[in-house]
Each structure stands twice: as structure tokens, then as C-alpha cells.
Amino acid sequence: MVQTLKITPQNPNEEKGYQVIQFAGDFDKAGHMDIREQLDALVKEFKLTDLVFDFTSLKFINSESIGYLMEIHNILAKKKKNLALVKPDAHVKEVLKTIGISEVIPMHSTLDAYLNK
């Protein structure tokens, strides 16, 4: 089976306390299953302050995956950590805004915009 979603963790910036994870593909049911184990492990072991999901190459997101984003947000919040979303394309951004996710999880046009908030 062809993987529909790929995540690529970037090297953590320990000095500034953040790590970026790049998403590429479709965050649908199949995509969710493709990355769930890897992403769960990253979230569980996350020690810095800010986990940033770079959605530059994310083309689609569905409700199941949005629920999973909220799950990750809640896990991190309990550990006093932050989740942020950066660079969503117009379609993904509109979906997240319509559902109200941007009211709970900060969404920014660039990584610099988030880091300089």
C-alpha cells in the first residue's frame, strides 16, 4: 500500500526550545494510520517547549485527523508544552478555521511569525 502521508521531524532547536515536524500528503484515515505510531512516539518523548507542525506540503485534512490534532494538543498541554501549526495551504487553513481549531491551536503563516509572536 502506498503511504499517503509522510512526516519528517527536523532537528530540534534546543536553544530556542522548539522542534518542527513537516507533513506531506493527505491527513485522511489512511494518512493518519501511516504516521500515528511514529507521531505518538515523538509526542510522548517531546521534552522542549514548542512542537510545530509545518503543513506547507499538507494537501488535505479530514475530521478524524483534526480530532487527532486535538488529542496531541491536549497531551502536550497537560505537560505544559505547546502545539502550533504553520504554513497551511489555503484549503487546509480554511478547514481548520471553519471548525475552530485555530482558536485552540495557534496557526501562523510562517515559523518566524510563530516564534516571534
N, C-alpha and C. Protein backbone atom coordinates (compact mmCIF):
# COMPACT_ATOMS: atom_id res chain seq x y z
N MET A 1 0.84 -1.19 0.00
CA MET A 1 0.00 0.00 0.00
C MET A 1 0.88 1.25 0.00
N VAL A 2 0.53 2.21 -0.80
CA VAL A 2 1.28 3.45 -0.92
C VAL A 2 0.97 4.35 0.28
N GLN A 3 2.03 4.90 0.87
CA GLN A 3 1.86 5.81 2.00
C GLN A 3 1.29 7.13 1.50
N THR A 4 0.20 7.61 2.13
CA THR A 4 -0.45 8.84 1.70
C THR A 4 -0.01 10.07 2.48
N LEU A 5 0.63 9.83 3.63
CA LEU A 5 1.10 10.95 4.46
C LEU A 5 2.47 10.59 5.00
N LYS A 6 3.35 11.57 4.97
CA LYS A 6 4.70 11.38 5.48
C LYS A 6 5.00 12.51 6.45
N ILE A 7 5.65 12.18 7.56
CA ILE A 7 6.12 13.23 8.46
C ILE A 7 7.64 13.15 8.52
N THR A 8 8.24 14.33 8.59
CA THR A 8 9.70 14.42 8.66
C THR A 8 10.08 15.33 9.83
N PRO A 9 10.50 14.72 10.93
CA PRO A 9 10.95 15.55 12.06
C PRO A 9 12.27 16.26 11.72
N GLN A 10 12.32 17.54 11.98
CA GLN A 10 13.54 18.31 11.80
C GLN A 10 14.36 18.25 13.08
N ASN A 11 15.62 18.59 12.99
CA ASN A 11 16.45 18.62 14.20
C ASN A 11 15.88 19.63 15.18
N PRO A 12 15.79 19.25 16.45
CA PRO A 12 15.27 20.18 17.46
C PRO A 12 16.18 21.40 17.61
N ASN A 13 15.58 22.54 17.87
CA ASN A 13 16.34 23.74 18.21
C ASN A 13 16.26 23.87 19.72
N GLU A 14 17.21 23.23 20.39
CA GLU A 14 17.16 23.19 21.85
C GLU A 14 17.38 24.57 22.47
N GLU A 15 18.17 25.41 21.83
CA GLU A 15 18.41 26.76 22.34
C GLU A 15 17.11 27.56 22.43
N LYS A 16 16.27 27.44 21.39
CA LYS A 16 15.01 28.19 21.36
C LYS A 16 13.83 27.34 21.83
N GLY A 17 14.05 26.05 22.09
CA GLY A 17 13.02 25.21 22.70
C GLY A 17 11.92 24.71 21.78
N TYR A 18 12.23 24.51 20.51
CA TYR A 18 11.18 24.02 19.62
C TYR A 18 11.70 22.95 18.66
N GLN A 19 10.75 22.19 18.12
CA GLN A 19 11.05 21.23 17.06
C GLN A 19 9.94 21.31 16.03
N VAL A 20 10.34 21.24 14.76
CA VAL A 20 9.40 21.28 13.65
C VAL A 20 9.25 19.87 13.08
N ILE A 21 8.01 19.51 12.78
CA ILE A 21 7.73 18.26 12.06
C ILE A 21 6.99 18.65 10.79
N GLN A 22 7.58 18.29 9.65
CA GLN A 22 6.97 18.60 8.36
C GLN A 22 6.00 17.49 7.96
N PHE A 23 4.84 17.89 7.47
CA PHE A 23 3.82 16.96 6.98
C PHE A 23 3.73 17.10 5.47
N ALA A 24 3.61 15.97 4.77
CA ALA A 24 3.45 15.99 3.31
C ALA A 24 2.45 14.92 2.90
N GLY A 25 1.42 15.34 2.16
CA GLY A 25 0.43 14.39 1.66
C GLY A 25 -0.96 14.70 2.16
N ASP A 26 -1.73 13.64 2.38
CA ASP A 26 -3.12 13.76 2.82
C ASP A 26 -3.28 13.21 4.23
N PHE A 27 -3.79 14.05 5.12
CA PHE A 27 -4.01 13.65 6.51
C PHE A 27 -5.46 13.16 6.62
N ASP A 28 -5.70 12.03 5.96
CA ASP A 28 -7.01 11.39 5.99
C ASP A 28 -6.89 10.12 6.82
N LYS A 29 -7.88 9.21 6.76
CA LYS A 29 -7.82 7.99 7.57
C LYS A 29 -6.56 7.18 7.27
N ALA A 30 -6.27 6.97 5.99
CA ALA A 30 -5.08 6.19 5.62
C ALA A 30 -3.81 6.92 6.06
N GLY A 31 -3.76 8.22 5.84
CA GLY A 31 -2.59 9.01 6.24
C GLY A 31 -2.39 8.99 7.74
N HIS A 32 -3.50 9.10 8.46
CA HIS A 32 -3.47 9.06 9.92
C HIS A 32 -2.83 7.74 10.38
N MET A 33 -3.23 6.65 9.79
CA MET A 33 -2.70 5.34 10.16
C MET A 33 -1.22 5.21 9.75
N ASP A 34 -0.83 5.86 8.65
CA ASP A 34 0.56 5.82 8.19
C ASP A 34 1.53 6.40 9.23
N ILE A 35 1.12 7.46 9.90
CA ILE A 35 2.05 8.21 10.75
C ILE A 35 1.76 8.10 12.25
N ARG A 36 0.66 7.50 12.61
CA ARG A 36 0.21 7.50 14.02
C ARG A 36 1.29 6.99 14.98
N GLU A 37 1.83 5.84 14.71
CA GLU A 37 2.82 5.24 15.62
C GLU A 37 4.05 6.14 15.78
N GLN A 38 4.57 6.63 14.66
CA GLN A 38 5.75 7.50 14.69
C GLN A 38 5.45 8.80 15.42
N LEU A 39 4.31 9.41 15.13
CA LEU A 39 3.98 10.69 15.75
C LEU A 39 3.67 10.52 17.24
N ASP A 40 2.98 9.45 17.61
CA ASP A 40 2.71 9.20 19.03
C ASP A 40 4.02 9.11 19.82
N ALA A 41 5.01 8.42 19.26
CA ALA A 41 6.31 8.27 19.93
C ALA A 41 7.00 9.63 20.07
N LEU A 42 6.95 10.44 19.02
CA LEU A 42 7.56 11.78 19.08
C LEU A 42 6.90 12.64 20.15
N VAL A 43 5.58 12.60 20.22
CA VAL A 43 4.85 13.42 21.19
C VAL A 43 5.14 12.92 22.61
N LYS A 44 5.15 11.62 22.79
CA LYS A 44 5.40 11.05 24.12
C LYS A 44 6.78 11.44 24.65
N GLU A 45 7.77 11.47 23.77
CA GLU A 45 9.15 11.76 24.18
C GLU A 45 9.50 13.25 24.12
N PHE A 46 8.56 14.10 23.69
CA PHE A 46 8.86 15.51 23.47
C PHE A 46 9.21 16.21 24.78
N LYS A 47 10.38 16.85 24.81
CA LYS A 47 10.88 17.50 26.03
C LYS A 47 10.99 19.02 25.93
N LEU A 48 10.94 19.56 24.72
CA LEU A 48 11.10 21.01 24.54
C LEU A 48 9.79 21.72 24.85
N THR A 49 9.72 23.01 24.56
CA THR A 49 8.53 23.80 24.87
C THR A 49 7.50 23.79 23.74
N ASP A 50 7.95 23.94 22.49
CA ASP A 50 7.04 24.11 21.36
C ASP A 50 7.24 23.03 20.30
N LEU A 51 6.15 22.33 19.99
CA LEU A 51 6.14 21.38 18.88
C LEU A 51 5.39 22.05 17.75
N VAL A 52 6.04 22.18 16.61
CA VAL A 52 5.48 22.92 15.48
C VAL A 52 5.25 21.97 14.31
N PHE A 53 4.01 21.91 13.85
CA PHE A 53 3.68 21.10 12.68
C PHE A 53 3.67 22.02 11.46
N ASP A 54 4.59 21.75 10.53
CA ASP A 54 4.70 22.51 9.29
C ASP A 54 3.81 21.85 8.24
N PHE A 55 2.73 22.53 7.89
CA PHE A 55 1.73 22.00 6.96
C PHE A 55 1.94 22.50 5.53
N THR A 56 3.12 23.00 5.19
CA THR A 56 3.39 23.53 3.85
C THR A 56 2.97 22.55 2.76
N SER A 57 3.30 21.28 2.92
CA SER A 57 3.03 20.27 1.89
C SER A 57 1.85 19.38 2.21
N LEU A 58 1.04 19.79 3.19
CA LEU A 58 -0.18 19.05 3.51
C LEU A 58 -1.28 19.53 2.58
N LYS A 59 -1.89 18.60 1.86
CA LYS A 59 -2.89 18.98 0.86
C LYS A 59 -4.33 18.78 1.31
N PHE A 60 -4.54 17.94 2.33
CA PHE A 60 -5.90 17.60 2.76
C PHE A 60 -5.87 17.19 4.22
N ILE A 61 -6.94 17.53 4.94
CA ILE A 61 -7.10 17.07 6.32
C ILE A 61 -8.58 16.77 6.54
N ASN A 62 -8.87 15.66 7.23
CA ASN A 62 -10.26 15.32 7.50
C ASN A 62 -10.56 15.42 8.99
N SER A 63 -11.83 15.17 9.35
CA SER A 63 -12.25 15.35 10.74
C SER A 63 -11.56 14.39 11.70
N GLU A 64 -11.32 13.16 11.29
CA GLU A 64 -10.63 12.21 12.15
C GLU A 64 -9.23 12.73 12.50
N SER A 65 -8.56 13.27 11.52
CA SER A 65 -7.21 13.80 11.74
C SER A 65 -7.23 15.07 12.57
N ILE A 66 -8.25 15.87 12.41
CA ILE A 66 -8.39 17.07 13.24
C ILE A 66 -8.61 16.65 14.70
N GLY A 67 -9.40 15.60 14.92
CA GLY A 67 -9.57 15.07 16.27
C GLY A 67 -8.25 14.60 16.86
N TYR A 68 -7.42 14.00 16.02
CA TYR A 68 -6.10 13.54 16.46
C TYR A 68 -5.20 14.73 16.81
N LEU A 69 -5.29 15.82 16.04
CA LEU A 69 -4.53 17.03 16.37
C LEU A 69 -4.94 17.54 17.75
N MET A 70 -6.23 17.51 18.04
CA MET A 70 -6.72 17.97 19.35
C MET A 70 -6.21 17.04 20.46
N GLU A 71 -6.16 15.77 20.17
CA GLU A 71 -5.61 14.80 21.13
C GLU A 71 -4.15 15.14 21.45
N ILE A 72 -3.37 15.40 20.41
CA ILE A 72 -1.96 15.77 20.60
C ILE A 72 -1.85 17.07 21.39
N HIS A 73 -2.67 18.05 21.02
CA HIS A 73 -2.69 19.34 21.74
C HIS A 73 -2.95 19.11 23.23
N ASN A 74 -3.92 18.27 23.56
CA ASN A 74 -4.28 18.02 24.96
C ASN A 74 -3.16 17.29 25.71
N ILE A 75 -2.51 16.32 25.07
CA ILE A 75 -1.39 15.61 25.69
C ILE A 75 -0.27 16.59 26.01
N LEU A 76 0.06 17.44 25.04
CA LEU A 76 1.13 18.42 25.25
C LEU A 76 0.75 19.45 26.31
N ALA A 77 -0.49 19.91 26.28
CA ALA A 77 -0.93 20.92 27.25
C ALA A 77 -0.83 20.40 28.68
N LYS A 78 -1.13 19.13 28.88
CA LYS A 78 -1.01 18.54 30.23
C LYS A 78 0.44 18.53 30.70
N LYS A 79 1.38 18.52 29.75
CA LYS A 79 2.80 18.54 30.09
C LYS A 79 3.37 19.97 30.02
N LYS A 80 2.46 20.96 29.91
CA LYS A 80 2.86 22.38 29.82
C LYS A 80 3.70 22.65 28.57
N LYS A 81 3.35 21.99 27.48
CA LYS A 81 4.02 22.16 26.19
C LYS A 81 3.01 22.76 25.21
N ASN A 82 3.51 23.32 24.11
CA ASN A 82 2.65 23.97 23.12
C ASN A 82 2.71 23.25 21.78
N LEU A 83 1.57 23.24 21.10
CA LEU A 83 1.48 22.77 19.72
C LEU A 83 1.10 23.96 18.87
N ALA A 84 1.79 24.12 17.74
CA ALA A 84 1.45 25.20 16.79
C ALA A 84 1.46 24.64 15.39
N LEU A 85 0.67 25.25 14.53
CA LEU A 85 0.57 24.87 13.12
C LEU A 85 1.08 26.03 12.29
N VAL A 86 1.96 25.74 11.32
CA VAL A 86 2.46 26.80 10.46
C VAL A 86 2.33 26.42 8.99
N LYS A 87 2.18 27.44 8.18
CA LYS A 87 2.17 27.38 6.71
C LYS A 87 1.12 26.46 6.10
N PRO A 88 -0.11 26.44 6.63
CA PRO A 88 -1.12 25.61 5.95
C PRO A 88 -1.49 26.22 4.61
N ASP A 89 -1.78 25.36 3.62
CA ASP A 89 -2.24 25.91 2.34
C ASP A 89 -3.66 26.45 2.53
N ALA A 90 -4.18 27.14 1.54
CA ALA A 90 -5.47 27.83 1.67
C ALA A 90 -6.61 26.89 2.06
N HIS A 91 -6.66 25.70 1.46
CA HIS A 91 -7.75 24.76 1.75
C HIS A 91 -7.66 24.25 3.19
N VAL A 92 -6.49 23.80 3.61
CA VAL A 92 -6.31 23.28 4.97
C VAL A 92 -6.58 24.38 5.98
N LYS A 93 -6.09 25.57 5.72
CA LYS A 93 -6.30 26.71 6.61
C LYS A 93 -7.79 27.01 6.78
N GLU A 94 -8.53 27.00 5.67
CA GLU A 94 -9.97 27.27 5.71
C GLU A 94 -10.70 26.20 6.53
N VAL A 95 -10.35 24.94 6.33
CA VAL A 95 -10.98 23.85 7.10
C VAL A 95 -10.72 24.05 8.59
N LEU A 96 -9.48 24.30 8.96
CA LEU A 96 -9.12 24.47 10.37
C LEU A 96 -9.80 25.69 10.99
N LYS A 97 -9.90 26.77 10.23
CA LYS A 97 -10.59 27.97 10.73
C LYS A 97 -12.08 27.73 10.89
N THR A 98 -12.69 27.08 9.90
CA THR A 98 -14.13 26.83 9.92
C THR A 98 -14.52 25.99 11.13
N ILE A 99 -13.72 24.99 11.43
CA ILE A 99 -14.02 24.09 12.55
C ILE A 99 -13.67 24.75 13.89
N GLY A 100 -12.84 25.76 13.86
CA GLY A 100 -12.48 26.47 15.09
C GLY A 100 -11.19 26.01 15.72
N ILE A 101 -10.44 25.17 15.04
CA ILE A 101 -9.17 24.68 15.57
C ILE A 101 -8.19 25.83 15.79
N SER A 102 -8.24 26.81 14.92
CA SER A 102 -7.31 27.94 15.05
C SER A 102 -7.56 28.76 16.32
N GLU A 103 -8.71 28.55 16.96
CA GLU A 103 -9.00 29.21 18.23
C GLU A 103 -8.30 28.49 19.39
N VAL A 104 -7.96 27.23 19.18
CA VAL A 104 -7.37 26.40 20.23
C VAL A 104 -5.88 26.18 20.01
N ILE A 105 -5.51 25.87 18.76
CA ILE A 105 -4.12 25.62 18.41
C ILE A 105 -3.65 26.80 17.55
N PRO A 106 -2.62 27.52 17.98
CA PRO A 106 -2.15 28.66 17.20
C PRO A 106 -1.76 28.25 15.77
N MET A 107 -2.15 29.08 14.82
CA MET A 107 -1.85 28.84 13.41
C MET A 107 -1.19 30.11 12.86
N HIS A 108 -0.03 29.94 12.22
CA HIS A 108 0.72 31.09 11.71
C HIS A 108 1.15 30.84 10.26
N SER A 109 1.38 31.93 9.56
CA SER A 109 1.76 31.83 8.14
C SER A 109 3.19 31.35 7.93
N THR A 110 4.06 31.59 8.93
CA THR A 110 5.46 31.14 8.83
C THR A 110 5.94 30.71 10.22
N LEU A 111 7.04 29.99 10.24
CA LEU A 111 7.65 29.60 11.50
C LEU A 111 8.13 30.85 12.24
N ASP A 112 8.74 31.78 11.54
CA ASP A 112 9.21 33.02 12.18
C ASP A 112 8.06 33.78 12.84
N ALA A 113 6.91 33.82 12.18
CA ALA A 113 5.75 34.51 12.75
C ALA A 113 5.34 33.87 14.07
N TYR A 114 5.41 32.55 14.14
CA TYR A 114 5.08 31.87 15.40
C TYR A 114 6.14 32.15 16.46
N LEU A 115 7.41 32.01 16.10
CA LEU A 115 8.48 32.17 17.08
C LEU A 115 8.59 33.60 17.59
N ASN A 116 8.17 34.57 16.78
CA ASN A 116 8.24 35.98 17.17
C ASN A 116 6.91 36.53 17.66
N LYS A 117 5.99 35.66 18.03
CA LYS A 117 4.66 36.08 18.47
C LYS A 117 4.68 36.97 19.68
